[in-house]
Protein backbone atom coordinates (compact mmCIF):
# COMPACT_ATOMS: atom_id res chain seq x y z
CA UNK A 1 -3.68 11.40 18.62
CA UNK A 2 -3.60 14.57 16.57
CA UNK A 3 -3.70 14.28 12.80
CA UNK A 4 -0.41 15.44 11.36
CA UNK A 5 -0.81 15.92 7.59
CA UNK A 6 2.97 16.09 7.20
CA UNK A 7 3.22 12.55 8.60
CA UNK A 8 0.80 11.29 5.97
CA UNK A 9 2.58 13.22 3.21
CA UNK A 10 5.99 11.87 4.27
CA UNK A 11 4.65 8.35 3.85
CA UNK A 12 3.13 9.26 0.49
CA UNK A 13 6.47 10.66 -0.69
CA UNK A 14 8.08 7.32 0.22
CA UNK A 15 5.29 5.48 -1.59
CA UNK A 16 5.76 7.48 -4.81
CA UNK A 17 9.51 6.87 -4.72
CA UNK A 18 8.98 3.16 -4.12
CA UNK A 19 6.45 2.91 -6.92
CA UNK A 20 8.94 4.45 -9.34
CA UNK A 21 11.48 1.78 -8.38
CA UNK A 22 8.90 -1.02 -8.49
CA UNK A 23 7.79 -0.06 -11.99
CA UNK A 24 11.19 -1.23 -13.28
CA UNK A 25 10.57 -4.66 -11.76
CA UNK A 26 7.05 -4.66 -13.15
CA UNK A 27 8.40 -4.20 -16.66
CA UNK A 28 10.41 -7.43 -16.50
CA UNK A 29 8.93 -10.39 -18.33
CA UNK A 30 7.56 -12.99 -15.92
CA UNK A 31 10.14 -15.66 -16.84
CA UNK A 32 13.04 -13.28 -16.38
CA UNK A 33 11.64 -12.06 -13.06
CA UNK A 34 11.19 -15.64 -11.81
CA UNK A 35 14.76 -16.49 -12.78
CA UNK A 36 16.29 -13.61 -10.81
CA UNK A 37 16.25 -14.17 -7.04
CA UNK A 38 17.64 -10.70 -6.27
CA UNK A 39 14.91 -9.07 -8.35
CA UNK A 40 12.28 -11.18 -6.57
CA UNK A 41 13.56 -10.22 -3.14
CA UNK A 42 13.85 -6.55 -4.06
CA UNK A 43 10.33 -6.47 -5.48
CA UNK A 44 8.83 -8.34 -2.52
CA UNK A 45 10.50 -6.00 -0.05
CA UNK A 46 9.51 -2.95 -2.09
CA UNK A 47 5.88 -4.07 -2.18
CA UNK A 48 5.98 -4.81 1.54
CA UNK A 49 7.26 -1.39 2.60
CA UNK A 50 5.02 0.39 0.11
CA UNK A 51 1.92 -1.36 1.41
CA UNK A 52 3.10 -0.73 4.96
CA UNK A 53 3.56 3.00 4.32
CA UNK A 54 0.08 3.29 2.79
CA UNK A 55 -1.54 1.36 5.63
CA UNK A 56 0.37 3.42 8.22
CA UNK A 57 -0.78 6.64 6.56
CA UNK A 58 -4.35 5.36 6.54
CA UNK A 59 -4.14 4.33 10.20
CA UNK A 60 -2.79 7.77 11.07
CA UNK A 61 -5.79 9.40 9.37
CA UNK A 62 -8.19 7.06 11.17
CA UNK A 63 -6.62 7.74 14.53
CA UNK A 64 -6.02 11.46 14.12
CA UNK A 65 -9.27 12.50 12.43
CA UNK A 66 -11.81 9.81 13.27
CA UNK A 67 -10.49 8.66 16.66
CA UNK A 68 -10.44 5.04 15.52
CA UNK A 69 -7.51 2.73 16.15
CA UNK A 70 -7.64 -0.31 13.91
CA UNK A 71 -6.64 -3.45 15.79
CA UNK A 72 -5.51 -5.20 12.61
CA UNK A 73 -4.18 -4.03 9.26
CA UNK A 74 -7.18 -5.66 7.59
CA UNK A 75 -9.49 -3.11 9.23
CA UNK A 76 -7.79 -0.04 7.77
CA UNK A 77 -9.13 -0.09 4.20
CA UNK A 78 -12.74 -0.83 5.21
CA UNK A 79 -12.65 1.92 7.84
CA UNK A 80 -11.17 4.42 5.37
CA UNK A 81 -13.93 3.46 2.93
CA UNK A 82 -16.64 3.86 5.58
CA UNK A 83 -15.38 7.38 6.34
CA UNK A 84 -15.24 8.36 2.66
CA UNK A 85 -11.46 8.66 2.50
CA UNK A 86 -11.55 5.89 -0.13
CA UNK A 87 -14.45 5.39 -2.50
CA UNK A 88 -16.25 2.05 -2.41
CA UNK A 89 -14.80 0.76 -5.69
CA UNK A 90 -11.24 1.54 -4.64
CA UNK A 91 -11.86 0.10 -1.19
CA UNK A 92 -12.99 -3.13 -2.82
CA UNK A 93 -9.89 -3.24 -5.05
CA UNK A 94 -7.63 -2.62 -2.04
CA UNK A 95 -9.33 -5.07 0.31
CA UNK A 96 -6.49 -7.60 0.02
CA UNK A 97 -3.55 -5.20 0.38
CA UNK A 98 -3.12 -5.89 4.09
CA UNK A 99 -3.34 -9.64 3.56
CA UNK A 100 -0.65 -9.56 0.90
CA UNK A 101 1.51 -7.40 3.17
CA UNK A 102 1.06 -9.97 5.93
CA UNK A 103 2.16 -12.78 3.60
CA UNK A 104 5.29 -10.85 2.68
CA UNK A 105 6.11 -10.11 6.33
CA UNK A 106 5.12 -13.35 8.03
CA UNK A 107 5.27 -16.01 5.33
CA UNK A 108 8.47 -14.81 3.69
CA UNK A 109 9.83 -18.35 3.54
CA UNK A 110 7.07 -19.50 1.22
CA UNK A 111 6.33 -16.39 -0.82
CA UNK A 112 4.96 -17.18 -4.28
CA UNK A 113 7.08 -14.97 -6.50
CA UNK A 114 4.78 -15.55 -9.45
CA UNK A 115 2.13 -13.82 -7.31
CA UNK A 116 4.60 -11.03 -6.52
CA UNK A 117 5.08 -10.51 -10.26
CA UNK A 118 1.31 -10.50 -10.70
CA UNK A 119 0.96 -7.83 -7.99
CA UNK A 120 3.64 -5.76 -9.75
CA UNK A 121 1.32 -5.63 -12.75
CA UNK A 122 -1.28 -3.91 -10.52
CA UNK A 123 0.75 -1.05 -9.11
CA UNK A 124 -2.04 1.24 -10.26
CA UNK A 125 -4.04 0.14 -7.20
CA UNK A 126 -1.27 1.42 -4.92
CA UNK A 127 -1.01 4.63 -6.96
CA UNK A 128 -4.76 5.10 -6.54
CA UNK A 129 -4.51 4.44 -2.78
CA UNK A 130 -1.85 7.15 -2.43
CA UNK A 131 -3.83 9.56 -4.61
CA UNK A 132 -6.97 8.98 -2.54
CA UNK A 133 -5.16 9.76 0.71
CA UNK A 134 -3.62 12.90 -0.79
CA UNK A 135 -6.99 13.90 -2.24
CA UNK A 136 -8.65 13.50 1.14
CA UNK A 137 -6.02 15.73 2.77
CA UNK A 138 -6.66 18.35 0.09
CA UNK A 139 -10.46 18.15 0.46
CA UNK A 140 -10.06 18.57 4.21
CA UNK A 141 -7.91 21.67 3.65
CA UNK A 142 -4.87 20.06 5.28
C-alpha cells in the first residue's frame, strides 16, 4: 500500500472535530453525566469513532511507510512507537486505547459509563496522539 498523507489528515480532521464535541461531555460533572443516558451513549460513540480514526491513521502509516500490517488494533501503538512515530512516553500512555475501543465496540452491553466519563477527562492523550501523527507527517515532508 502507498502512504497517502491526505488519508491520514482526513482522519485527523475528523478526530479534531470529534474532540471538540467530546470536550462538552467532558465538562459535565460525573453525577450529571451518569444520570443522562443520551449523553453517555453520545460520549461512548464519540470516543469509539475517535479512537478508531486514530488507530486507522496509524495503521495506514504503518502499512504505507513501514510495510507492516498490524493483525490486531493492540499492535498499532507499539509499532508506531518502535518506528519513532510516537515517542516512548506517549506510546505508554496510549497503550490501552485499542483495548478501550474494543470494549466500546464489542462489550457495548456492559460498558461502564463511569469509566467513559473518566476517559473523557483524559482527552489530552487523544489530542497528543493526533498531534504526533501530524508531526510525523511534517517531519517526513509529507
